[in-house]
Amino acid sequence: MSRRLALGIALTAGGVLLSGCANINTELSTLKPVAGDKVTGLNIAVNDVLSAHDVPILVAPVCTFGTDAYSCSGTTVSGQRIEATASGAEAETMTVTVGKRELYSGPIAAVLTKAGRR
């Protein structure tokens, strides 16, 4: 094998390896903001409350952040609205209702901690 061919193969292999590392780093950096995301924690806590109360879910609640509050909405199998709210960008408490019945009002962290112990 000629030196030029060997050098070409080595450079190509090195480029492939480096581009693979770059893609992995990009993928990891896009996941970092999601890991501690308040809206994700709220969504998990809402689902934990619904599960603890055996609420039959047709459409799972989806949480979003507006100007200064979080809101979540979904639907039960019987057509009742599932709603949850939390105030402020660093929301610490939430209220979860199904129809007109309040299932939970309190700290989000308490729900996540309790679910983590099960």
Protein backbone atom coordinates (compact mmCIF):
# COMPACT_ATOMS: atom_id res chain seq x y z
CA MET A 1 0.00 0.00 0.00
CA SER A 2 1.34 3.41 -0.88
CA ARG A 3 2.01 6.04 1.74
CA ARG A 4 -0.57 8.36 0.18
CA LEU A 5 -3.28 5.71 0.33
CA ALA A 6 -2.41 4.83 3.95
CA LEU A 7 -2.44 8.52 4.91
CA GLY A 8 -5.81 8.99 3.16
CA ILE A 9 -7.32 6.04 5.02
CA ALA A 10 -5.96 7.29 8.35
CA LEU A 11 -7.30 10.81 7.80
CA THR A 12 -10.72 9.50 6.74
CA ALA A 13 -10.95 7.20 9.77
CA GLY A 14 -9.92 10.03 12.08
CA GLY A 15 -12.52 12.35 10.56
CA VAL A 16 -15.27 9.77 11.02
CA LEU A 17 -14.32 9.25 14.67
CA LEU A 18 -14.19 12.97 15.39
CA SER A 19 -17.51 13.66 13.70
CA GLY A 20 -19.08 10.90 15.80
CA CYS A 21 -17.82 12.57 18.97
CA ALA A 22 -19.13 15.93 17.83
CA ASN A 23 -22.59 14.45 17.26
CA ILE A 24 -22.62 12.81 20.68
CA ASN A 25 -21.61 16.06 22.37
CA THR A 26 -24.34 17.94 20.50
CA GLU A 27 -26.94 15.38 21.52
CA LEU A 28 -25.85 15.49 25.16
CA SER A 29 -25.91 19.29 25.27
CA THR A 30 -29.48 19.33 23.97
CA LEU A 31 -30.57 16.93 26.70
CA LYS A 32 -29.06 18.89 29.59
CA PRO A 33 -31.72 21.64 29.72
CA VAL A 34 -34.48 19.03 29.73
CA ALA A 35 -33.11 17.10 32.73
CA GLY A 36 -33.96 19.80 35.27
CA ASP A 37 -36.83 21.40 33.44
CA LYS A 38 -39.62 22.64 35.75
CA VAL A 39 -42.32 21.84 33.22
CA THR A 40 -41.13 18.22 33.03
CA GLY A 41 -41.15 17.89 36.83
CA LEU A 42 -44.63 19.39 36.98
CA ASN A 43 -45.90 17.03 34.29
CA ILE A 44 -44.51 14.03 36.17
CA ALA A 45 -46.00 15.25 39.47
CA VAL A 46 -49.44 15.78 37.90
CA ASN A 47 -49.39 12.27 36.47
CA ASP A 48 -48.31 10.88 39.86
CA VAL A 49 -51.28 12.59 41.55
CA LEU A 50 -53.68 11.20 38.94
CA SER A 51 -52.21 7.73 39.31
CA ALA A 52 -52.45 7.85 43.11
CA HIS A 53 -56.15 8.71 42.80
CA ASP A 54 -56.78 6.03 40.13
CA VAL A 55 -58.05 8.58 37.61
CA PRO A 56 -58.82 6.86 34.27
CA ILE A 57 -57.05 9.05 31.71
CA LEU A 58 -58.13 9.38 28.08
CA VAL A 59 -55.76 12.22 27.15
CA ALA A 60 -52.75 12.59 29.43
CA PRO A 61 -52.20 16.13 30.71
CA VAL A 62 -49.63 18.18 28.85
CA CYS A 63 -48.00 21.03 30.76
CA THR A 64 -46.85 24.30 29.25
CA PHE A 65 -45.33 27.50 30.59
CA GLY A 66 -47.00 30.81 29.79
CA THR A 67 -45.95 34.32 30.75
CA ASP A 68 -45.76 33.72 34.50
CA ALA A 69 -47.47 30.40 35.20
CA TYR A 70 -47.61 26.76 34.23
CA SER A 71 -50.80 25.09 33.10
CA CYS A 72 -51.60 21.49 32.31
CA SER A 73 -54.69 20.03 30.71
CA GLY A 74 -55.99 16.62 29.76
CA THR A 75 -59.19 14.58 29.80
CA THR A 76 -60.52 11.59 31.74
CA VAL A 77 -62.20 8.60 30.09
CA SER A 78 -65.57 10.02 31.19
CA GLY A 79 -64.82 13.38 29.53
CA GLN A 80 -63.95 15.42 32.61
CA ARG A 81 -61.21 18.03 32.26
CA ILE A 82 -57.96 17.41 34.08
CA GLU A 83 -56.29 20.68 34.97
CA ALA A 84 -53.21 21.63 36.93
CA THR A 85 -51.67 25.01 37.60
CA ALA A 86 -48.48 26.32 39.18
CA SER A 87 -47.45 29.97 39.49
CA GLY A 88 -44.12 31.61 38.73
CA ALA A 89 -41.12 30.54 36.68
CA GLU A 90 -39.71 28.62 39.66
CA ALA A 91 -43.03 27.06 40.65
CA GLU A 92 -42.89 25.05 43.87
CA THR A 93 -46.58 24.34 44.47
CA MET A 94 -49.38 23.11 42.24
CA THR A 95 -53.09 22.47 42.24
CA VAL A 96 -54.56 19.48 40.39
CA THR A 97 -58.28 19.23 39.65
CA VAL A 98 -60.49 16.76 37.82
CA GLY A 99 -63.77 18.35 36.85
CA LYS A 100 -64.68 20.44 39.90
CA ARG A 101 -62.92 18.12 42.37
CA GLU A 102 -59.54 19.22 43.73
CA LEU A 103 -57.23 16.21 44.04
CA TYR A 104 -54.12 17.95 45.31
CA SER A 105 -52.84 21.35 46.33
CA GLY A 106 -49.33 21.55 47.69
CA PRO A 107 -45.61 21.16 46.99
CA ILE A 108 -44.53 19.60 43.71
CA ALA A 109 -41.40 18.19 45.39
CA ALA A 110 -43.52 16.29 47.95
CA VAL A 111 -45.36 14.44 45.17
CA LEU A 112 -42.13 13.59 43.33
CA THR A 113 -40.46 12.42 46.56
CA LYS A 114 -43.40 10.22 47.53
CA ALA A 115 -43.56 8.65 44.07
CA GLY A 116 -39.82 8.00 44.20
CA ARG A 117 -40.26 5.91 47.35
CA ARG A 118 -42.76 3.52 45.78
